[in-house]
Amino acid sequence: MCGRYALYGPRSRLYDQFDIVDDDVDEKPRDMPVDPFSSYNIAPSQSPPVIRTRPGAARELIRARWGLLPSWVQDPGKLAQPINAKIETAAEKPMFRHAFRKSRVIVPASGFYEWRPGPDFKQPFFVRPAGEQLFGFAALLEHWAGTDGPLLTFAILTTAANELMRPIHDRMPVILQPDDYAAWLDPGITDAQIVHELAGQFPPEQMALHPVNRAVGNPRSQGPGLIEPVEI
């Protein structure tokens, strides 16, 4: 499961790690309380940056709303718009299979939050890269044309938790290795088996985690204090 994540730091780091050549997210979207590149609490229904490949293999940053809405939907109000999709079944489910084959994107993240159930409350943890790089979540992008104009939406793929995450939750985002970014973004790769191989389990030694303040449960909460370790 992935229901909240963070993205902060210099935008140049995204350009360097993900080889981005164009950027279409200069203005802060109305549905986000802060600059999407300085958000410590990105929540569903907001429109953070995602990375896609344009024709000719150039990579660009665009905004997309978190919560997938397939192109074939006529009445969005009658359909759940999932924020996550299971890597094990996304290739077969009508909701995800087109994007799984043809419209894959990467969601850059400084880290994500997960909650561990407890006797009195759920304790949030912040999970981040062990090194200096950002996470690159595997995600699916859809284009929906409504009466108010086109809308880009996405869902983050999830997989079984690795050894580090398992004591907290049984699922985690699919995190790509930098060497696999190009293939993941390549719409010419449509074989489901190859796509599954690209989305292998991320090594636990490349991740770190610590408990954080429960304030992160409120989507209006922001600021670097959300990722500071707390005593439990």
C-alpha atoms as a PDB file:
ATOM      1  CA  MET A   1       0.000   0.000   0.000  1.00  0.00           C
ATOM      2  CA  CYS A   2       1.153   3.522  -0.673  1.00  0.00           C
ATOM      3  CA  GLY A   3      -1.190   6.289   0.449  1.00  0.00           C
ATOM      4  CA  ARG A   4       1.193   9.164   1.225  1.00  0.00           C
ATOM      5  CA  TYR A   5       4.654  10.159   0.064  1.00  0.00           C
ATOM      6  CA  ALA A   6       7.030  13.107   0.052  1.00  0.00           C
ATOM      7  CA  LEU A   7       9.054  14.947  -2.575  1.00  0.00           C
ATOM      8  CA  TYR A   8      11.434  17.707  -1.551  1.00  0.00           C
ATOM      9  CA  GLY A   9      14.860  19.107  -2.352  1.00  0.00           C
ATOM     10  CA  PRO A  10      16.301  20.809  -5.442  1.00  0.00           C
ATOM     11  CA  ARG A  11      14.554  20.152  -8.717  1.00  0.00           C
ATOM     12  CA  SER A  12      17.979  19.699 -10.307  1.00  0.00           C
ATOM     13  CA  ARG A  13      18.293  16.380  -8.501  1.00  0.00           C
ATOM     14  CA  LEU A  14      15.313  15.050 -10.458  1.00  0.00           C
ATOM     15  CA  TYR A  15      16.842  16.223 -13.720  1.00  0.00           C
ATOM     16  CA  ASP A  16      20.124  14.494 -12.921  1.00  0.00           C
ATOM     17  CA  GLN A  17      18.751  11.180 -11.655  1.00  0.00           C
ATOM     18  CA  PHE A  18      15.973  10.742 -14.198  1.00  0.00           C
ATOM     19  CA  ASP A  19      17.595  12.422 -17.240  1.00  0.00           C
ATOM     20  CA  ILE A  20      14.707  14.860 -17.667  1.00  0.00           C
ATOM     21  CA  VAL A  21      14.873  17.249 -20.613  1.00  0.00           C
ATOM     22  CA  ASP A  22      11.567  19.126 -20.294  1.00  0.00           C
ATOM     23  CA  ASP A  23       9.343  20.355 -17.487  1.00  0.00           C
ATOM     24  CA  ASP A  24       5.630  21.200 -17.551  1.00  0.00           C
ATOM     25  CA  VAL A  25       5.039  21.726 -13.820  1.00  0.00           C
ATOM     26  CA  ASP A  26       6.188  25.306 -13.212  1.00  0.00           C
ATOM     27  CA  GLU A  27       3.025  26.447 -11.470  1.00  0.00           C
ATOM     28  CA  LYS A  28       1.707  25.077  -8.192  1.00  0.00           C
ATOM     29  CA  PRO A  29      -1.504  23.131  -8.898  1.00  0.00           C
ATOM     30  CA  ARG A  30      -4.624  24.326  -7.107  1.00  0.00           C
ATOM     31  CA  ASP A  31      -5.185  20.938  -5.469  1.00  0.00           C
ATOM     32  CA  MET A  32      -1.829  20.971  -3.643  1.00  0.00           C
ATOM     33  CA  PRO A  33      -1.224  23.107  -0.526  1.00  0.00           C
ATOM     34  CA  VAL A  34       2.446  23.708  -1.350  1.00  0.00           C
ATOM     35  CA  ASP A  35       4.904  23.591  -4.222  1.00  0.00           C
ATOM     36  CA  PRO A  36       4.840  19.962  -5.502  1.00  0.00           C
ATOM     37  CA  PHE A  37       8.635  19.876  -5.320  1.00  0.00           C
ATOM     38  CA  SER A  38       8.615  20.805  -1.632  1.00  0.00           C
ATOM     39  CA  SER A  39       5.812  18.639  -0.296  1.00  0.00           C
ATOM     40  CA  TYR A  40       6.260  16.467   2.767  1.00  0.00           C
ATOM     41  CA  ASN A  41       2.771  15.010   2.547  1.00  0.00           C
ATOM     42  CA  ILE A  42       1.505  14.257  -0.963  1.00  0.00           C
ATOM     43  CA  ALA A  43      -1.981  12.764  -0.756  1.00  0.00           C
ATOM     44  CA  PRO A  44      -4.478  11.137  -3.149  1.00  0.00           C
ATOM     45  CA  SER A  45      -6.455  13.502  -5.414  1.00  0.00           C
ATOM     46  CA  GLN A  46      -3.490  15.909  -5.568  1.00  0.00           C
ATOM     47  CA  SER A  47      -1.490  16.493  -8.778  1.00  0.00           C
ATOM     48  CA  PRO A  48       2.231  15.949  -8.151  1.00  0.00           C
ATOM     49  CA  PRO A  49       4.957  15.533 -10.811  1.00  0.00           C
ATOM     50  CA  VAL A  50       5.388  12.284 -12.730  1.00  0.00           C
ATOM     51  CA  ILE A  51       7.895  11.368 -15.426  1.00  0.00           C
ATOM     52  CA  ARG A  52       6.991  10.066 -18.849  1.00  0.00           C
ATOM     53  CA  THR A  53       8.709   9.510 -22.174  1.00  0.00           C
ATOM     54  CA  ARG A  54       7.729  11.618 -25.156  1.00  0.00           C
ATOM     55  CA  PRO A  55       8.060  10.386 -28.751  1.00  0.00           C
ATOM     56  CA  GLY A  56      11.771  10.257 -29.472  1.00  0.00           C
ATOM     57  CA  ALA A  57      12.595   8.952 -25.976  1.00  0.00           C
ATOM     58  CA  ALA A  58      12.973  12.373 -24.309  1.00  0.00           C
ATOM     59  CA  ARG A  59      11.784  12.404 -20.703  1.00  0.00           C
ATOM     60  CA  GLU A  60       9.573  15.124 -19.298  1.00  0.00           C
ATOM     61  CA  LEU A  61       7.984  16.076 -16.009  1.00  0.00           C
ATOM     62  CA  ILE A  62       4.218  16.528 -16.099  1.00  0.00           C
ATOM     63  CA  ARG A  63       1.487  16.867 -13.497  1.00  0.00           C
ATOM     64  CA  ALA A  64      -1.088  14.126 -13.045  1.00  0.00           C
ATOM     65  CA  ARG A  65      -3.799  13.575 -10.461  1.00  0.00           C
ATOM     66  CA  TRP A  66      -3.236  10.702  -8.047  1.00  0.00           C
ATOM     67  CA  GLY A  67      -6.208   8.371  -8.543  1.00  0.00           C
ATOM     68  CA  LEU A  68      -6.514   6.485 -11.832  1.00  0.00           C
ATOM     69  CA  LEU A  69      -9.419   7.243 -14.178  1.00  0.00           C
ATOM     70  CA  PRO A  70      -9.365   5.086 -17.343  1.00  0.00           C
ATOM     71  CA  SER A  71     -10.102   6.698 -20.686  1.00  0.00           C
ATOM     72  CA  TRP A  72     -13.176   4.536 -21.305  1.00  0.00           C
ATOM     73  CA  VAL A  73     -15.072   5.739 -18.212  1.00  0.00           C
ATOM     74  CA  GLN A  74     -18.155   7.801 -19.046  1.00  0.00           C
ATOM     75  CA  ASP A  75     -19.295   8.736 -15.535  1.00  0.00           C
ATOM     76  CA  PRO A  76     -16.361   9.131 -13.100  1.00  0.00           C
ATOM     77  CA  GLY A  77     -18.736   9.504 -10.167  1.00  0.00           C
ATOM     78  CA  LYS A  78     -19.823   5.877 -10.505  1.00  0.00           C
ATOM     79  CA  LEU A  79     -16.347   4.320 -10.475  1.00  0.00           C
ATOM     80  CA  ALA A  80     -13.668   4.003  -7.803  1.00  0.00           C
ATOM     81  CA  GLN A  81     -10.455   5.729  -8.866  1.00  0.00           C
ATOM     82  CA  PRO A  82      -7.683   3.642  -7.286  1.00  0.00           C
ATOM     83  CA  ILE A  83      -4.443   5.179  -6.076  1.00  0.00           C
ATOM     84  CA  ASN A  84      -2.628   1.820  -6.159  1.00  0.00           C
ATOM     85  CA  ALA A  85      -2.551  -1.224  -8.433  1.00  0.00           C
ATOM     86  CA  LYS A  86      -1.087  -4.640  -7.622  1.00  0.00           C
ATOM     87  CA  ILE A  87       1.799  -5.560  -9.909  1.00  0.00           C
ATOM     88  CA  GLU A  88       0.655  -9.191  -9.786  1.00  0.00           C
ATOM     89  CA  THR A  89      -2.711  -8.487 -11.451  1.00  0.00           C
ATOM     90  CA  ALA A  90      -2.423  -5.130 -13.241  1.00  0.00           C
ATOM     91  CA  ALA A  91      -1.733  -6.718 -16.634  1.00  0.00           C
ATOM     92  CA  GLU A  92      -5.089  -8.530 -16.617  1.00  0.00           C
ATOM     93  CA  LYS A  93      -7.518  -6.136 -14.920  1.00  0.00           C
ATOM     94  CA  PRO A  94      -9.532  -3.914 -17.306  1.00  0.00           C
ATOM     95  CA  MET A  95      -8.883  -0.903 -15.075  1.00  0.00           C
ATOM     96  CA  PHE A  96      -5.106  -1.116 -15.542  1.00  0.00           C
ATOM     97  CA  ARG A  97      -4.161  -3.344 -18.458  1.00  0.00           C
ATOM     98  CA  HIS A  98      -3.967  -0.676 -21.179  1.00  0.00           C
ATOM     99  CA  ALA A  99      -1.705   1.585 -19.119  1.00  0.00           C
ATOM    100  CA  PHE A 100       0.332  -1.412 -17.979  1.00  0.00           C
ATOM    101  CA  ARG A 101       1.196  -2.183 -21.593  1.00  0.00           C
ATOM    102  CA  LYS A 102       1.377   1.279 -23.127  1.00  0.00           C
ATOM    103  CA  SER A 103       1.428   4.132 -20.618  1.00  0.00           C
ATOM    104  CA  ARG A 104       3.880   3.563 -17.784  1.00  0.00           C
ATOM    105  CA  VAL A 105       5.385   6.452 -15.833  1.00  0.00           C
ATOM    106  CA  ILE A 106       7.726   7.031 -12.891  1.00  0.00           C
ATOM    107  CA  VAL A 107       6.722   8.875  -9.738  1.00  0.00           C
ATOM    108  CA  PRO A 108       9.766  10.543  -8.110  1.00  0.00           C
ATOM    109  CA  ALA A 109       9.737  10.489  -4.310  1.00  0.00           C
ATOM    110  CA  SER A 110      12.031  11.408  -1.440  1.00  0.00           C
ATOM    111  CA  GLY A 111      10.284   8.729   0.610  1.00  0.00           C
ATOM    112  CA  PHE A 112       6.889   7.340   1.544  1.00  0.00           C
ATOM    113  CA  TYR A 113       4.836   6.760   4.671  1.00  0.00           C
ATOM    114  CA  GLU A 114       3.406   3.519   5.962  1.00  0.00           C
ATOM    115  CA  TRP A 115       1.387   2.807   9.098  1.00  0.00           C
ATOM    116  CA  ARG A 116       1.980  -0.108  11.492  1.00  0.00           C
ATOM    117  CA  PRO A 117      -1.114  -1.213  13.434  1.00  0.00           C
ATOM    118  CA  GLY A 118      -0.835  -1.037  17.222  1.00  0.00           C
ATOM    119  CA  PRO A 119      -3.067  -1.668  20.231  1.00  0.00           C
ATOM    120  CA  ASP A 120      -4.126   1.982  20.529  1.00  0.00           C
ATOM    121  CA  PHE A 121      -3.307   3.601  17.180  1.00  0.00           C
ATOM    122  CA  LYS A 122      -1.458   3.123  13.905  1.00  0.00           C
ATOM    123  CA  GLN A 123       2.134   4.344  14.072  1.00  0.00           C
ATOM    124  CA  PRO A 124       3.391   6.029  10.870  1.00  0.00           C
ATOM    125  CA  PHE A 125       6.894   5.360   9.563  1.00  0.00           C
ATOM    126  CA  PHE A 126       8.845   7.286   6.957  1.00  0.00           C
ATOM    127  CA  VAL A 127      10.657   5.077   4.456  1.00  0.00           C
ATOM    128  CA  ARG A 128      13.456   6.696   2.457  1.00  0.00           C
ATOM    129  CA  PRO A 129      16.396   5.727   0.249  1.00  0.00           C
ATOM    130  CA  ALA A 130      19.492   4.691   2.201  1.00  0.00           C
ATOM    131  CA  GLY A 131      21.652   6.869  -0.059  1.00  0.00           C
ATOM    132  CA  GLU A 132      21.307  10.245  -1.744  1.00  0.00           C
ATOM    133  CA  GLN A 133      19.074   9.222  -4.642  1.00  0.00           C
ATOM    134  CA  LEU A 134      15.320   9.572  -4.860  1.00  0.00           C
ATOM    135  CA  PHE A 135      12.946   6.654  -5.161  1.00  0.00           C
ATOM    136  CA  GLY A 136      11.392   6.087  -8.585  1.00  0.00           C
ATOM    137  CA  PHE A 137       7.987   4.436  -8.104  1.00  0.00           C
ATOM    138  CA  ALA A 138       6.563   2.421 -10.985  1.00  0.00           C
ATOM    139  CA  ALA A 139       3.183   3.873 -11.942  1.00  0.00           C
ATOM    140  CA  LEU A 140       0.477   3.779 -14.609  1.00  0.00           C
ATOM    141  CA  LEU A 141      -0.858   6.855 -16.433  1.00  0.00           C
ATOM    142  CA  GLU A 142      -4.279   7.294 -18.015  1.00  0.00           C
ATOM    143  CA  HIS A 143      -5.769  10.039 -20.196  1.00  0.00           C
ATOM    144  CA  TRP A 144      -9.433  10.895 -19.669  1.00  0.00           C
ATOM    145  CA  ALA A 145     -11.333  13.384 -21.823  1.00  0.00           C
ATOM    146  CA  GLY A 146     -14.189  15.016 -19.930  1.00  0.00           C
ATOM    147  CA  THR A 147     -16.434  18.002 -20.484  1.00  0.00           C
ATOM    148  CA  ASP A 148     -13.918  20.198 -18.639  1.00  0.00           C
ATOM    149  CA  GLY A 149     -11.034  19.073 -20.834  1.00  0.00           C
ATOM    150  CA  PRO A 150      -8.415  16.317 -20.685  1.00  0.00           C
ATOM    151  CA  LEU A 151      -7.286  14.910 -17.359  1.00  0.00           C
ATOM    152  CA  LEU A 152      -4.134  12.906 -16.641  1.00  0.00           C
ATOM    153  CA  THR A 153      -4.345  10.497 -13.717  1.00  0.00           C
ATOM    154  CA  PHE A 154      -2.069   7.833 -12.261  1.00  0.00           C
ATOM    155  CA  ALA A 155      -1.862   4.898  -9.863  1.00  0.00           C
ATOM    156  CA  ILE A 156       1.264   3.641  -8.106  1.00  0.00           C
ATOM    157  CA  LEU A 157       2.041  -0.047  -8.483  1.00  0.00           C
ATOM    158  CA  THR A 158       2.581  -2.074  -5.318  1.00  0.00           C
ATOM    159  CA  THR A 159       4.288  -5.386  -4.608  1.00  0.00           C
ATOM    160  CA  ALA A 160       4.892  -7.739  -1.692  1.00  0.00           C
ATOM    161  CA  ALA A 161       6.884  -6.118   1.116  1.00  0.00           C
ATOM    162  CA  ASN A 162      10.593  -6.845   1.377  1.00  0.00           C
ATOM    163  CA  GLU A 163      12.328  -7.859   4.614  1.00  0.00           C
ATOM    164  CA  LEU A 164      12.622  -4.289   5.874  1.00  0.00           C
ATOM    165  CA  MET A 165       8.979  -3.408   5.277  1.00  0.00           C
ATOM    166  CA  ARG A 166       7.347  -6.693   6.279  1.00  0.00           C
ATOM    167  CA  PRO A 167       7.109  -5.922  10.041  1.00  0.00           C
ATOM    168  CA  ILE A 168       5.151  -2.760   9.168  1.00  0.00           C
ATOM    169  CA  HIS A 169       2.968  -3.722   6.190  1.00  0.00           C
ATOM    170  CA  ASP A 170       2.623  -6.589   3.729  1.00  0.00           C
ATOM    171  CA  ARG A 171       2.752  -4.291   0.671  1.00  0.00           C
ATOM    172  CA  MET A 172       5.076  -1.568  -0.585  1.00  0.00           C
ATOM    173  CA  PRO A 173       5.469   0.542  -3.750  1.00  0.00           C
ATOM    174  CA  VAL A 174       7.255  -0.978  -6.712  1.00  0.00           C
ATOM    175  CA  ILE A 175      10.582   0.897  -6.685  1.00  0.00           C
ATOM    176  CA  LEU A 176      12.594   0.836  -9.899  1.00  0.00           C
ATOM    177  CA  GLN A 177      16.350   0.626 -10.211  1.00  0.00           C
ATOM    178  CA  PRO A 178      17.874   3.507 -12.244  1.00  0.00           C
ATOM    179  CA  ASP A 179      19.158   1.055 -14.867  1.00  0.00           C
ATOM    180  CA  ASP A 180      15.540   0.055 -15.558  1.00  0.00           C
ATOM    181  CA  TYR A 181      14.047   3.537 -15.989  1.00  0.00           C
ATOM    182  CA  ALA A 182      14.445   3.591 -19.771  1.00  0.00           C
ATOM    183  CA  ALA A 183      12.831   0.201 -20.321  1.00  0.00           C
ATOM    184  CA  TRP A 184       9.998   0.949 -17.888  1.00  0.00           C
ATOM    185  CA  LEU A 185       9.137   4.159 -19.735  1.00  0.00           C
ATOM    186  CA  ASP A 186       9.456   2.593 -23.201  1.00  0.00           C
ATOM    187  CA  PRO A 187       5.946   2.159 -24.689  1.00  0.00           C
ATOM    188  CA  GLY A 188       7.451  -0.234 -27.210  1.00  0.00           C
ATOM    189  CA  ILE A 189       7.908  -2.839 -24.473  1.00  0.00           C
ATOM    190  CA  THR A 190       4.485  -4.436 -24.121  1.00  0.00           C
ATOM    191  CA  ASP A 191       5.319  -7.983 -23.030  1.00  0.00           C
ATOM    192  CA  ALA A 192       3.833  -8.445 -19.553  1.00  0.00           C
ATOM    193  CA  GLN A 193       6.581 -10.818 -18.450  1.00  0.00           C
ATOM    194  CA  ILE A 194       9.294  -8.286 -19.297  1.00  0.00           C
ATOM    195  CA  VAL A 195       7.403  -5.553 -17.470  1.00  0.00           C
ATOM    196  CA  HIS A 196       7.085  -7.785 -14.396  1.00  0.00           C
ATOM    197  CA  GLU A 197      10.818  -8.466 -14.454  1.00  0.00           C
ATOM    198  CA  LEU A 198      11.556  -4.731 -14.491  1.00  0.00           C
ATOM    199  CA  ALA A 199       9.405  -4.321 -11.389  1.00  0.00           C
ATOM    200  CA  GLY A 200      11.401  -6.685  -9.180  1.00  0.00           C
ATOM    201  CA  GLN A 201      11.543  -6.375  -5.408  1.00  0.00           C
ATOM    202  CA  PHE A 202      13.693  -3.482  -4.194  1.00  0.00           C
ATOM    203  CA  PRO A 203      16.647  -4.509  -1.986  1.00  0.00           C
ATOM    204  CA  PRO A 204      16.049  -3.741   1.714  1.00  0.00           C
ATOM    205  CA  GLU A 205      19.650  -2.594   2.181  1.00  0.00           C
ATOM    206  CA  GLN A 206      18.913   0.321  -0.170  1.00  0.00           C
ATOM    207  CA  MET A 207      16.147   1.598   2.134  1.00  0.00           C
ATOM    208  CA  ALA A 208      15.911   3.027   5.649  1.00  0.00           C
ATOM    209  CA  LEU A 209      12.929   3.793   7.877  1.00  0.00           C
ATOM    210  CA  HIS A 210      12.024   5.399  11.190  1.00  0.00           C
ATOM    211  CA  PRO A 211       8.836   6.284  13.114  1.00  0.00           C
ATOM    212  CA  VAL A 212       7.409   9.783  12.627  1.00  0.00           C
ATOM    213  CA  ASN A 213       4.745  12.031  14.096  1.00  0.00           C
ATOM    214  CA  ARG A 214       1.123  11.007  13.617  1.00  0.00           C
ATOM    215  CA  ALA A 215       0.380  14.474  12.238  1.00  0.00           C
ATOM    216  CA  VAL A 216       1.194  13.090   8.795  1.00  0.00           C
ATOM    217  CA  GLY A 217      -2.205  11.403   8.864  1.00  0.00           C
ATOM    218  CA  ASN A 218      -3.802  14.794   8.218  1.00  0.00           C
ATOM    219  CA  PRO A 219      -3.347  15.662   4.516  1.00  0.00           C
ATOM    220  CA  ARG A 220      -3.224  19.355   5.433  1.00  0.00           C
ATOM    221  CA  SER A 221      -0.103  18.808   7.557  1.00  0.00           C
ATOM    222  CA  GLN A 222       3.125  19.942   5.899  1.00  0.00           C
ATOM    223  CA  GLY A 223       6.734  20.774   6.711  1.00  0.00           C
ATOM    224  CA  PRO A 224      10.020  18.947   7.343  1.00  0.00           C
ATOM    225  CA  GLY A 225       8.908  18.098  10.877  1.00  0.00           C
ATOM    226  CA  LEU A 226       6.755  15.325   9.395  1.00  0.00           C
ATOM    227  CA  ILE A 227       9.819  13.261   8.467  1.00  0.00           C
ATOM    228  CA  GLU A 228      11.751  13.793  11.732  1.00  0.00           C
ATOM    229  CA  PRO A 229      12.204  10.625  13.860  1.00  0.00           C
ATOM    230  CA  VAL A 230      10.125  10.298  17.014  1.00  0.00           C
ATOM    231  CA  GLU A 231      10.433   8.062  20.084  1.00  0.00           C
ATOM    232  CA  ILE A 232       7.947   5.190  20.377  1.00  0.00           C
END
